[in-house]
Amino acid sequence: SSLGAGLDLYNLATAIPEVEYEPEQFPGAILKM
């Protein structure tokens, strides 16, 4: 799907505990529910 807007993954990982972001390993962030 698409959220319809660009995402600042680093900022999301910093502000949301459930988001993991390690760009050196994978270009995307992971949000676990």
All heavy atoms as atom14 arrays in JSON, in Angstrom:
{
  "sequence": "SSLGAGLDLYNLATAIPEVEYEPEQFPGAILKM",
  "atom14_mask": [
    [1, 1, 1, 1, 1, 1, 0, 0, 0, 0, 0, 0, 0, 0],
    [1, 1, 1, 1, 1, 1, 0, 0, 0, 0, 0, 0, 0, 0],
    [1, 1, 1, 1, 1, 1, 1, 1, 0, 0, 0, 0, 0, 0],
    [1, 1, 1, 1, 0, 0, 0, 0, 0, 0, 0, 0, 0, 0],
    [1, 1, 1, 1, 1, 0, 0, 0, 0, 0, 0, 0, 0, 0],
    [1, 1, 1, 1, 0, 0, 0, 0, 0, 0, 0, 0, 0, 0],
    [1, 1, 1, 1, 1, 1, 1, 1, 0, 0, 0, 0, 0, 0],
    [1, 1, 1, 1, 1, 1, 1, 1, 0, 0, 0, 0, 0, 0],
    [1, 1, 1, 1, 1, 1, 1, 1, 0, 0, 0, 0, 0, 0],
    [1, 1, 1, 1, 1, 1, 1, 1, 1, 1, 1, 1, 0, 0],
    [1, 1, 1, 1, 1, 1, 1, 1, 0, 0, 0, 0, 0, 0],
    [1, 1, 1, 1, 1, 1, 1, 1, 0, 0, 0, 0, 0, 0],
    [1, 1, 1, 1, 1, 0, 0, 0, 0, 0, 0, 0, 0, 0],
    [1, 1, 1, 1, 1, 1, 1, 0, 0, 0, 0, 0, 0, 0],
    [1, 1, 1, 1, 1, 0, 0, 0, 0, 0, 0, 0, 0, 0],
    [1, 1, 1, 1, 1, 1, 1, 1, 0, 0, 0, 0, 0, 0],
    [1, 1, 1, 1, 1, 1, 1, 0, 0, 0, 0, 0, 0, 0],
    [1, 1, 1, 1, 1, 1, 1, 1, 1, 0, 0, 0, 0, 0],
    [1, 1, 1, 1, 1, 1, 1, 0, 0, 0, 0, 0, 0, 0],
    [1, 1, 1, 1, 1, 1, 1, 1, 1, 0, 0, 0, 0, 0],
    [1, 1, 1, 1, 1, 1, 1, 1, 1, 1, 1, 1, 0, 0],
    [1, 1, 1, 1, 1, 1, 1, 1, 1, 0, 0, 0, 0, 0],
    [1, 1, 1, 1, 1, 1, 1, 0, 0, 0, 0, 0, 0, 0],
    [1, 1, 1, 1, 1, 1, 1, 1, 1, 0, 0, 0, 0, 0],
    [1, 1, 1, 1, 1, 1, 1, 1, 1, 0, 0, 0, 0, 0],
    [1, 1, 1, 1, 1, 1, 1, 1, 1, 1, 1, 0, 0, 0],
    [1, 1, 1, 1, 1, 1, 1, 0, 0, 0, 0, 0, 0, 0],
    [1, 1, 1, 1, 0, 0, 0, 0, 0, 0, 0, 0, 0, 0],
    [1, 1, 1, 1, 1, 0, 0, 0, 0, 0, 0, 0, 0, 0],
    [1, 1, 1, 1, 1, 1, 1, 1, 0, 0, 0, 0, 0, 0],
    [1, 1, 1, 1, 1, 1, 1, 1, 0, 0, 0, 0, 0, 0],
    [1, 1, 1, 1, 1, 1, 1, 1, 1, 0, 0, 0, 0, 0],
    [1, 1, 1, 1, 1, 1, 1, 1, 0, 0, 0, 0, 0, 0]
  ],
  "atom14_positions": [
    [[0.85, -1.18, 0.0], [0.0, 0.0, 0.0], [0.9, 1.24, 0.0], [2.12, 1.14, -0.08], [-0.91, 0.0, 1.24], [-1.82, 1.08, 1.19], [0.0, 0.0, 0.0], [0.0, 0.0, 0.0], [0.0, 0.0, 0.0], [0.0, 0.0, 0.0], [0.0, 0.0, 0.0], [0.0, 0.0, 0.0], [0.0, 0.0, 0.0], [0.0, 0.0, 0.0]],
    [[0.27, 2.4, 0.09], [1.03, 3.65, 0.14], [0.36, 4.61, 1.09], [-0.88, 4.7, 1.14], [1.11, 4.26, -1.26], [1.75, 5.54, -1.21], [0.0, 0.0, 0.0], [0.0, 0.0, 0.0], [0.0, 0.0, 0.0], [0.0, 0.0, 0.0], [0.0, 0.0, 0.0], [0.0, 0.0, 0.0], [0.0, 0.0, 0.0], [0.0, 0.0, 0.0]],
    [[1.18, 5.35, 1.83], [0.65, 6.34, 2.77], [0.43, 7.68, 2.08], [-0.07, 8.63, 2.67], [1.61, 6.51, 3.95], [1.78, 5.26, 4.84], [2.79, 5.53, 5.94], [0.45, 4.82, 5.41], [0.0, 0.0, 0.0], [0.0, 0.0, 0.0], [0.0, 0.0, 0.0], [0.0, 0.0, 0.0], [0.0, 0.0, 0.0], [0.0, 0.0, 0.0]],
    [[0.83, 7.77, 0.83], [0.57, 8.98, 0.05], [1.47, 10.16, 0.33], [1.2, 11.28, -0.09], [0.0, 0.0, 0.0], [0.0, 0.0, 0.0], [0.0, 0.0, 0.0], [0.0, 0.0, 0.0], [0.0, 0.0, 0.0], [0.0, 0.0, 0.0], [0.0, 0.0, 0.0], [0.0, 0.0, 0.0], [0.0, 0.0, 0.0], [0.0, 0.0, 0.0]],
    [[2.59, 9.93, 1.03], [3.52, 11.02, 1.33], [4.89, 10.42, 1.65], [4.99, 9.27, 2.1], [3.02, 11.85, 2.5], [0.0, 0.0, 0.0], [0.0, 0.0, 0.0], [0.0, 0.0, 0.0], [0.0, 0.0, 0.0], [0.0, 0.0, 0.0], [0.0, 0.0, 0.0], [0.0, 0.0, 0.0], [0.0, 0.0, 0.0], [0.0, 0.0, 0.0]],
    [[5.94, 11.21, 1.4], [7.28, 10.75, 1.72], [7.47, 10.64, 3.22], [6.81, 11.36, 3.99], [0.0, 0.0, 0.0], [0.0, 0.0, 0.0], [0.0, 0.0, 0.0], [0.0, 0.0, 0.0], [0.0, 0.0, 0.0], [0.0, 0.0, 0.0], [0.0, 0.0, 0.0], [0.0, 0.0, 0.0], [0.0, 0.0, 0.0], [0.0, 0.0, 0.0]],
    [[8.35, 9.74, 3.65], [8.54, 9.51, 5.08], [9.97, 9.81, 5.51], [10.93, 9.45, 4.82], [8.21, 8.05, 5.42], [6.8, 7.56, 5.1], [6.68, 6.08, 5.45], [5.75, 8.38, 5.85], [0.0, 0.0, 0.0], [0.0, 0.0, 0.0], [0.0, 0.0, 0.0], [0.0, 0.0, 0.0], [0.0, 0.0, 0.0], [0.0, 0.0, 0.0]],
    [[10.1, 10.46, 6.66], [11.41, 10.68, 7.28], [11.62, 9.52, 8.25], [11.19, 9.58, 9.41], [11.41, 12.02, 8.03], [12.78, 12.35, 8.61], [13.6, 11.42, 8.79], [13.03, 13.54, 8.89], [0.0, 0.0, 0.0], [0.0, 0.0, 0.0], [0.0, 0.0, 0.0], [0.0, 0.0, 0.0], [0.0, 0.0, 0.0], [0.0, 0.0, 0.0]],
    [[12.23, 8.46, 7.77], [12.35, 7.23, 8.55], [13.18, 7.43, 9.82], [12.88, 6.84, 10.86], [12.95, 6.13, 7.68], [12.15, 5.76, 6.42], [12.84, 4.63, 5.67], [10.72, 5.37, 6.78], [0.0, 0.0, 0.0], [0.0, 0.0, 0.0], [0.0, 0.0, 0.0], [0.0, 0.0, 0.0], [0.0, 0.0, 0.0], [0.0, 0.0, 0.0]],
    [[14.22, 8.23, 9.74], [15.06, 8.46, 10.92], [14.25, 9.15, 12.02], [14.31, 8.78, 13.19], [16.28, 9.32, 10.56], [17.18, 9.61, 11.73], [18.09, 8.65, 12.18], [17.09, 10.83, 12.42], [18.9, 8.9, 13.28], [17.9, 11.09, 13.51], [18.8, 10.12, 13.93], [19.6, 10.36, 15.03], [0.0, 0.0, 0.0], [0.0, 0.0, 0.0]],
    [[13.46, 10.13, 11.63], [12.64, 10.87, 12.59], [11.57, 9.96, 13.2], [11.29, 10.02, 14.41], [11.97, 12.06, 11.9], [11.19, 12.93, 12.88], [11.66, 13.24, 13.98], [9.98, 13.31, 12.49], [0.0, 0.0, 0.0], [0.0, 0.0, 0.0], [0.0, 0.0, 0.0], [0.0, 0.0, 0.0], [0.0, 0.0, 0.0], [0.0, 0.0, 0.0]],
    [[10.99, 9.09, 12.37], [9.96, 8.17, 12.86], [10.54, 7.19, 13.87], [9.92, 6.88, 14.88], [9.35, 7.39, 11.68], [8.5, 8.2, 10.69], [8.0, 7.29, 9.57], [7.32, 8.86, 11.4], [0.0, 0.0, 0.0], [0.0, 0.0, 0.0], [0.0, 0.0, 0.0], [0.0, 0.0, 0.0], [0.0, 0.0, 0.0], [0.0, 0.0, 0.0]],
    [[11.74, 6.68, 13.58], [12.39, 5.73, 14.49], [12.74, 6.39, 15.83], [12.73, 5.74, 16.88], [13.63, 5.15, 13.83], [0.0, 0.0, 0.0], [0.0, 0.0, 0.0], [0.0, 0.0, 0.0], [0.0, 0.0, 0.0], [0.0, 0.0, 0.0], [0.0, 0.0, 0.0], [0.0, 0.0, 0.0], [0.0, 0.0, 0.0], [0.0, 0.0, 0.0]],
    [[13.04, 7.67, 15.76], [13.39, 8.4, 16.98], [12.16, 8.69, 17.84], [12.21, 8.62, 19.07], [14.08, 9.74, 16.63], [15.24, 9.48, 15.82], [14.49, 10.49, 17.88], [0.0, 0.0, 0.0], [0.0, 0.0, 0.0], [0.0, 0.0, 0.0], [0.0, 0.0, 0.0], [0.0, 0.0, 0.0], [0.0, 0.0, 0.0], [0.0, 0.0, 0.0]],
    [[11.05, 9.0, 17.19], [9.84, 9.41, 17.9], [8.91, 8.26, 18.27], [8.15, 8.36, 19.23], [9.08, 10.43, 17.04], [0.0, 0.0, 0.0], [0.0, 0.0, 0.0], [0.0, 0.0, 0.0], [0.0, 0.0, 0.0], [0.0, 0.0, 0.0], [0.0, 0.0, 0.0], [0.0, 0.0, 0.0], [0.0, 0.0, 0.0], [0.0, 0.0, 0.0]],
    [[8.97, 7.16, 17.51], [8.05, 6.04, 17.75], [8.82, 4.8, 18.2], [9.62, 4.26, 17.43], [7.25, 5.72, 16.46], [6.53, 6.97, 15.96], [6.25, 4.59, 16.71], [5.88, 6.8, 14.6], [0.0, 0.0, 0.0], [0.0, 0.0, 0.0], [0.0, 0.0, 0.0], [0.0, 0.0, 0.0], [0.0, 0.0, 0.0], [0.0, 0.0, 0.0]],
    [[8.62, 4.35, 19.43], [9.36, 3.19, 19.97], [9.19, 1.9, 19.16], [10.1, 1.07, 19.11], [8.75, 3.03, 21.38], [8.21, 4.37, 21.71], [7.71, 4.93, 20.42], [0.0, 0.0, 0.0], [0.0, 0.0, 0.0], [0.0, 0.0, 0.0], [0.0, 0.0, 0.0], [0.0, 0.0, 0.0], [0.0, 0.0, 0.0], [0.0, 0.0, 0.0]],
    [[8.04, 1.75, 18.51], [7.76, 0.52, 17.76], [8.44, 0.47, 16.4], [8.4, -0.55, 15.71], [6.25, 0.35, 17.57], [5.46, 0.13, 18.84], [5.15, 1.41, 19.57], [5.45, 2.51, 19.03], [4.59, 1.33, 20.69], [0.0, 0.0, 0.0], [0.0, 0.0, 0.0], [0.0, 0.0, 0.0], [0.0, 0.0, 0.0], [0.0, 0.0, 0.0]],
    [[9.07, 1.57, 16.01], [9.72, 1.64, 14.7], [11.22, 1.38, 14.82], [11.9, 2.02, 15.63], [9.48, 3.01, 14.02], [10.28, 3.09, 12.71], [7.99, 3.19, 13.73], [0.0, 0.0, 0.0], [0.0, 0.0, 0.0], [0.0, 0.0, 0.0], [0.0, 0.0, 0.0], [0.0, 0.0, 0.0], [0.0, 0.0, 0.0], [0.0, 0.0, 0.0]],
    [[11.72, 0.46, 14.02], [13.15, 0.15, 13.99], [13.71, 0.57, 12.63], [13.13, 0.27, 11.59], [13.39, -1.36, 14.19], [12.87, -1.9, 15.51], [13.0, -3.41, 15.61], [13.64, -4.0, 14.71], [12.46, -4.0, 16.55], [0.0, 0.0, 0.0], [0.0, 0.0, 0.0], [0.0, 0.0, 0.0], [0.0, 0.0, 0.0], [0.0, 0.0, 0.0]],
    [[14.86, 1.25, 12.65], [15.45, 1.72, 11.4], [16.96, 1.6, 11.45], [17.62, 2.28, 12.26], [15.04, 3.17, 11.15], [15.56, 3.74, 9.84], [15.44, 3.03, 8.65], [16.15, 5.01, 9.81], [15.91, 3.56, 7.45], [16.62, 5.56, 8.61], [16.49, 4.82, 7.44], [16.95, 5.34, 6.25], [0.0, 0.0, 0.0], [0.0, 0.0, 0.0]],
    [[17.51, 0.72, 10.63], [18.95, 0.53, 10.53], [19.31, 0.56, 9.05], [19.43, -0.48, 8.4], [19.36, -0.8, 11.17], [19.05, -0.86, 12.67], [19.49, -2.17, 13.29], [20.19, -2.94, 12.61], [19.12, -2.43, 14.45], [0.0, 0.0, 0.0], [0.0, 0.0, 0.0], [0.0, 0.0, 0.0], [0.0, 0.0, 0.0], [0.0, 0.0, 0.0]],
    [[19.48, 1.76, 8.48], [19.7, 1.93, 7.04], [20.92, 1.21, 6.48], [20.97, 0.89, 5.3], [19.83, 3.45, 6.89], [20.23, 3.94, 8.25], [19.51, 3.04, 9.2], [0.0, 0.0, 0.0], [0.0, 0.0, 0.0], [0.0, 0.0, 0.0], [0.0, 0.0, 0.0], [0.0, 0.0, 0.0], [0.0, 0.0, 0.0], [0.0, 0.0, 0.0]],
    [[21.9, 0.92, 7.34], [23.1, 0.22, 6.86], [22.81, -1.26, 6.59], [23.56, -1.93, 5.87], [24.25, 0.35, 7.87], [24.03, -0.33, 9.22], [23.19, 0.51, 10.17], [22.76, 1.61, 9.77], [22.96, 0.05, 11.31], [0.0, 0.0, 0.0], [0.0, 0.0, 0.0], [0.0, 0.0, 0.0], [0.0, 0.0, 0.0], [0.0, 0.0, 0.0]],
    [[21.71, -1.75, 7.13], [21.32, -3.14, 6.92], [20.15, -3.3, 5.95], [20.09, -4.25, 5.18], [20.96, -3.79, 8.25], [22.12, -3.88, 9.22], [21.74, -4.62, 10.5], [20.76, -5.35, 10.54], [22.53, -4.43, 11.55], [0.0, 0.0, 0.0], [0.0, 0.0, 0.0], [0.0, 0.0, 0.0], [0.0, 0.0, 0.0], [0.0, 0.0, 0.0]],
    [[19.21, -2.33, 6.01], [18.01, -2.42, 5.16], [17.49, -0.99, 4.91], [17.46, -0.18, 5.83], [16.94, -3.26, 5.87], [15.7, -3.49, 5.05], [15.71, -4.34, 3.96], [14.51, -2.82, 5.36], [14.58, -4.54, 3.19], [13.37, -3.02, 4.61], [13.41, -3.89, 3.5], [0.0, 0.0, 0.0], [0.0, 0.0, 0.0], [0.0, 0.0, 0.0]],
    [[17.11, -0.69, 3.67], [16.68, 0.68, 3.33], [15.35, 1.13, 3.92], [15.03, 2.31, 3.9], [16.6, 0.65, 1.8], [16.31, -0.78, 1.48], [17.11, -1.56, 2.49], [0.0, 0.0, 0.0], [0.0, 0.0, 0.0], [0.0, 0.0, 0.0], [0.0, 0.0, 0.0], [0.0, 0.0, 0.0], [0.0, 0.0, 0.0], [0.0, 0.0, 0.0]],
    [[14.6, 0.21, 4.47], [13.3, 0.56, 5.04], [13.28, 0.43, 6.55], [14.17, -0.17, 7.16], [0.0, 0.0, 0.0], [0.0, 0.0, 0.0], [0.0, 0.0, 0.0], [0.0, 0.0, 0.0], [0.0, 0.0, 0.0], [0.0, 0.0, 0.0], [0.0, 0.0, 0.0], [0.0, 0.0, 0.0], [0.0, 0.0, 0.0], [0.0, 0.0, 0.0]],
    [[12.26, 1.0, 7.16], [12.07, 0.88, 8.61], [11.0, -0.19, 8.87], [10.19, -0.51, 8.0], [11.63, 2.22, 9.19], [0.0, 0.0, 0.0], [0.0, 0.0, 0.0], [0.0, 0.0, 0.0], [0.0, 0.0, 0.0], [0.0, 0.0, 0.0], [0.0, 0.0, 0.0], [0.0, 0.0, 0.0], [0.0, 0.0, 0.0], [0.0, 0.0, 0.0]],
    [[11.03, -0.73, 10.08], [10.07, -1.78, 10.44], [9.19, -1.3, 11.59], [9.69, -0.87, 12.62], [10.81, -3.07, 10.87], [11.71, -3.57, 9.74], [9.79, -4.16, 11.25], [12.58, -4.75, 10.12], [0.0, 0.0, 0.0], [0.0, 0.0, 0.0], [0.0, 0.0, 0.0], [0.0, 0.0, 0.0], [0.0, 0.0, 0.0], [0.0, 0.0, 0.0]],
    [[7.9, -1.38, 11.36], [6.93, -1.03, 12.41], [6.2, -2.31, 12.82], [5.52, -2.93, 12.01], [5.93, 0.0, 11.89], [4.7, 0.29, 12.76], [5.13, 0.79, 14.14], [3.78, 1.29, 12.09], [0.0, 0.0, 0.0], [0.0, 0.0, 0.0], [0.0, 0.0, 0.0], [0.0, 0.0, 0.0], [0.0, 0.0, 0.0], [0.0, 0.0, 0.0]],
    [[6.37, -2.71, 14.07], [5.74, -3.93, 14.56], [4.53, -3.6, 15.42], [4.6, -2.72, 16.28], [6.75, -4.76, 15.37], [7.91, -5.29, 14.54], [8.84, -6.15, 15.37], [9.98, -6.69, 14.52], [10.91, -7.54, 15.31], [0.0, 0.0, 0.0], [0.0, 0.0, 0.0], [0.0, 0.0, 0.0], [0.0, 0.0, 0.0], [0.0, 0.0, 0.0]],
    [[3.45, -4.33, 15.17], [2.22, -4.13, 15.93], [1.84, -5.4, 16.68], [2.11, -6.51, 16.21], [1.07, -3.75, 14.99], [1.21, -2.43, 14.3], [-0.26, -2.05, 13.3], [0.21, -0.45, 12.64], [0.0, 0.0, 0.0], [0.0, 0.0, 0.0], [0.0, 0.0, 0.0], [0.0, 0.0, 0.0], [0.0, 0.0, 0.0], [0.0, 0.0, 0.0]]
  ]
}
